[in-house]
């Protein structure tokens, strides 16, 4: 049998396979690096785009917040103006009430009663005066009950004092000012 030495052929084939393996490995590594680089660029582009969108949204949110603050300020101004308008309207509607009070006091005052002090605090009216008798104070209280503009008479104080030969009674009377139904309409 003839002996053929196949070692150099096998060695040459091994060397070629090593070269092919190295080329394929290098090509694979390069392809992976290129793919990873592209993937990184795409992701970085998406991140940059999202950061830009977030910054745009922050700017818009600041604009909207400024508008909201302006609206709140305008609401406060409007509320203050509405409160002023309501106050003016209530003053306008209650303006004739003091005239009616004085007019009504003239009509309900019986003979022999003199007022020394009249105070009004909102709807409360306080009268202080001098009467010749308790009957006149009672007549004043009945007149207040019958009045359209005055209600709820409440006697606070009666004191008797001497003045000359006549005995005079000092009194303090509280009542509420009311508005007749016809006037409210």
Protein backbone atom coordinates (compact mmCIF):
# COMPACT_ATOMS: atom_id res chain seq x y z
CA UNK A 1 0.00 0.00 0.00
CA UNK A 2 1.20 3.30 -0.86
CA UNK A 3 1.46 5.80 1.77
CA UNK A 4 0.08 9.25 1.04
CA UNK A 5 0.73 11.98 3.43
CA UNK A 6 -2.51 13.99 3.81
CA UNK A 7 -1.22 16.11 6.63
CA UNK A 8 -0.36 19.20 4.57
CA UNK A 9 -3.76 19.07 2.86
CA UNK A 10 -5.56 18.77 6.19
CA UNK A 11 -3.34 21.47 7.63
CA UNK A 12 -4.06 23.76 4.69
CA UNK A 13 -7.78 23.08 5.05
CA UNK A 14 -7.62 23.79 8.78
CA UNK A 15 -5.82 27.06 8.11
CA UNK A 16 -8.45 28.03 5.54
CA UNK A 17 -11.29 27.18 7.95
CA UNK A 18 -9.57 29.26 10.65
CA UNK A 19 -9.33 32.17 8.21
CA UNK A 20 -12.99 31.77 7.17
CA UNK A 21 -13.98 31.52 10.83
CA UNK A 22 -11.99 34.65 11.68
CA UNK A 23 -13.49 36.54 8.70
CA UNK A 24 -17.03 35.41 9.59
CA UNK A 25 -16.44 36.22 13.26
CA UNK A 26 -15.00 39.63 12.36
CA UNK A 27 -17.87 40.27 9.95
CA UNK A 28 -20.37 39.20 12.62
CA UNK A 29 -18.72 41.43 15.20
CA UNK A 30 -18.73 44.36 12.75
CA UNK A 31 -22.38 43.64 11.84
CA UNK A 32 -23.32 43.48 15.53
CA UNK A 33 -21.44 46.71 16.21
CA UNK A 34 -23.14 48.42 13.26
CA UNK A 35 -26.54 47.17 14.40
CA UNK A 36 -25.83 48.24 17.99
CA UNK A 37 -24.64 51.65 16.77
CA UNK A 38 -27.79 52.08 14.68
CA UNK A 39 -29.91 50.93 17.62
CA UNK A 40 -28.12 53.41 19.87
CA UNK A 41 -28.62 56.25 17.36
CA UNK A 42 -32.32 55.43 16.97
CA UNK A 43 -32.83 55.27 20.75
CA UNK A 44 -30.83 58.46 21.29
CA UNK A 45 -32.92 60.20 18.62
CA UNK A 46 -36.12 59.03 20.30
CA UNK A 47 -34.81 60.21 23.70
CA UNK A 48 -33.82 63.60 22.26
CA UNK A 49 -37.23 63.91 20.59
CA UNK A 50 -38.99 63.08 23.88
CA UNK A 51 -36.85 65.59 25.80
CA UNK A 52 -37.75 68.25 23.23
CA UNK A 53 -41.45 67.39 23.55
CA UNK A 54 -41.19 67.51 27.36
CA UNK A 55 -39.54 70.95 27.20
CA UNK A 56 -42.26 72.19 24.85
CA UNK A 57 -44.92 70.85 27.23
CA UNK A 58 -43.21 72.55 30.21
CA UNK A 59 -43.24 75.87 28.34
CA UNK A 60 -46.91 75.45 27.47
CA UNK A 61 -47.72 74.49 31.07
CA UNK A 62 -46.02 77.69 32.25
CA UNK A 63 -48.12 79.71 29.79
CA UNK A 64 -51.31 77.98 30.97
CA UNK A 65 -50.34 78.48 34.64
CA UNK A 66 -49.83 82.19 33.98
CA UNK A 67 -53.27 82.34 32.35
CA UNK A 68 -54.81 80.45 35.29
CA UNK A 69 -53.24 82.90 37.74
CA UNK A 70 -54.57 85.80 35.69
CA UNK A 71 -58.04 84.21 35.69
CA UNK A 72 -57.88 83.75 39.48
CA UNK A 73 -56.86 87.39 39.89
CA UNK A 74 -59.70 88.50 37.62
CA UNK A 75 -62.13 86.30 39.59
CA UNK A 76 -61.02 87.98 42.82
CA UNK A 77 -61.46 91.41 41.25
CA UNK A 78 -64.90 90.38 39.97
CA UNK A 79 -65.90 89.06 43.41
CA UNK A 80 -64.80 92.32 45.04
CA UNK A 81 -66.74 94.32 42.46
CA UNK A 82 -69.82 92.13 42.95
CA UNK A 83 -69.58 92.66 46.73
CA UNK A 84 -69.35 96.41 46.18
CA UNK A 85 -72.32 96.33 43.82
CA UNK A 86 -74.37 94.36 46.36
CA UNK A 87 -73.42 96.82 49.09
CA UNK A 88 -74.38 99.79 46.92
CA UNK A 89 -77.62 98.09 45.97
CA UNK A 90 -78.46 97.34 49.60
CA UNK A 91 -77.65 100.96 50.52
CA UNK A 92 -79.84 102.20 47.69
CA UNK A 93 -82.72 99.99 48.77
CA UNK A 94 -82.36 100.93 52.46
CA UNK A 95 -81.90 104.67 51.87
CA UNK A 96 -85.59 105.57 52.29
CA UNK A 97 -85.89 103.41 55.42
CA UNK A 98 -84.36 106.03 57.73
CA UNK A 99 -86.82 108.60 56.36
CA UNK A 100 -89.67 106.18 57.00
CA UNK A 101 -88.34 105.57 60.54
CA UNK A 102 -88.36 109.26 61.40
CA UNK A 103 -91.76 109.72 59.77
CA UNK A 104 -93.16 106.72 61.64
CA UNK A 105 -91.75 107.95 64.97
CA UNK A 106 -93.71 111.20 64.52
CA UNK A 107 -96.96 109.30 63.94
CA UNK A 108 -96.61 106.76 66.77
CA UNK A 109 -95.51 109.20 69.49
CA UNK A 110 -98.37 109.80 71.97
CA UNK A 111 -98.99 113.12 73.78
CA UNK A 112 -96.79 113.64 76.80
CA UNK A 113 -93.83 111.57 75.55
CA UNK A 114 -90.55 113.28 74.69
CA UNK A 115 -87.65 111.42 73.08
CA UNK A 116 -84.19 112.29 74.36
CA UNK A 117 -82.18 109.79 72.30
CA UNK A 118 -82.77 107.70 69.16
CA UNK A 119 -80.18 105.13 68.04
CA UNK A 120 -80.31 102.85 65.03
CA UNK A 121 -77.94 99.93 64.55
CA UNK A 122 -78.82 97.98 61.43
CA UNK A 123 -82.46 96.98 61.89
CA UNK A 124 -82.44 97.59 65.67
CA UNK A 125 -83.82 100.90 66.93
CA UNK A 126 -83.35 102.07 70.50
CA UNK A 127 -85.43 104.92 71.98
CA UNK A 128 -84.80 106.75 75.24
CA UNK A 129 -87.14 109.41 76.53
CA UNK A 130 -89.33 110.89 79.21
CA UNK A 131 -93.04 110.21 79.65
CA UNK A 132 -95.57 111.72 82.07
CA UNK A 133 -97.07 108.31 82.89
CA UNK A 134 -96.66 104.59 82.34
CA UNK A 135 -99.87 104.61 80.30
CA UNK A 136 -98.20 106.81 77.70
CA UNK A 137 -95.29 104.35 77.46
CA UNK A 138 -97.82 101.54 77.00
CA UNK A 139 -99.59 103.57 74.31
CA UNK A 140 -96.22 104.03 72.55
CA UNK A 141 -95.60 100.28 72.65
CA UNK A 142 -99.08 99.56 71.20
CA UNK A 143 -98.44 102.10 68.44
CA UNK A 144 -95.19 100.34 67.61
CA UNK A 145 -96.99 96.99 67.36
CA UNK A 146 -99.62 98.52 65.05
CA UNK A 147 -97.00 100.18 62.84
CA UNK A 148 -96.08 98.79 59.43
CA UNK A 149 -92.47 99.93 59.74
CA UNK A 150 -91.69 99.01 63.37
CA UNK A 151 -92.09 95.66 65.17
CA UNK A 152 -91.18 93.78 68.35
CA UNK A 153 -91.23 96.54 70.98
CA UNK A 154 -89.29 95.58 74.09
CA UNK A 155 -89.25 97.77 77.17
CA UNK A 156 -85.74 97.83 78.63
CA UNK A 157 -86.07 100.30 81.49
CA UNK A 158 -88.58 102.47 83.33
CA UNK A 159 -87.39 104.70 86.12
CA UNK A 160 -89.38 107.24 88.07
CA UNK A 161 -87.84 110.57 88.94
CA UNK A 162 -89.02 113.84 90.46
CA UNK A 163 -88.89 116.95 88.37
CA UNK A 164 -90.61 119.93 89.86
CA UNK A 165 -94.05 119.08 91.09
CA UNK A 166 -94.67 116.43 88.40
CA UNK A 167 -93.34 112.86 88.49
CA UNK A 168 -91.71 111.91 85.18
CA UNK A 169 -90.85 108.44 83.99
CA UNK A 170 -87.63 107.80 82.09
CA UNK A 171 -87.81 104.85 79.73
CA UNK A 172 -85.69 102.89 77.29
CA UNK A 173 -87.44 101.00 74.50
CA UNK A 174 -85.93 98.69 71.86
CA UNK A 175 -87.65 97.68 68.62
CA UNK A 176 -86.95 96.32 65.17
CA UNK A 177 -87.37 98.20 61.93
CA UNK A 178 -89.33 96.26 59.35
CA UNK A 179 -90.20 96.75 55.71
CA UNK A 180 -93.86 96.33 54.71
CA UNK A 181 -94.56 93.68 52.09
CA UNK A 182 -95.83 96.25 49.59
CA UNK A 183 -92.51 98.15 49.84
CA UNK A 184 -90.41 95.00 49.38
CA UNK A 185 -92.02 94.32 46.02
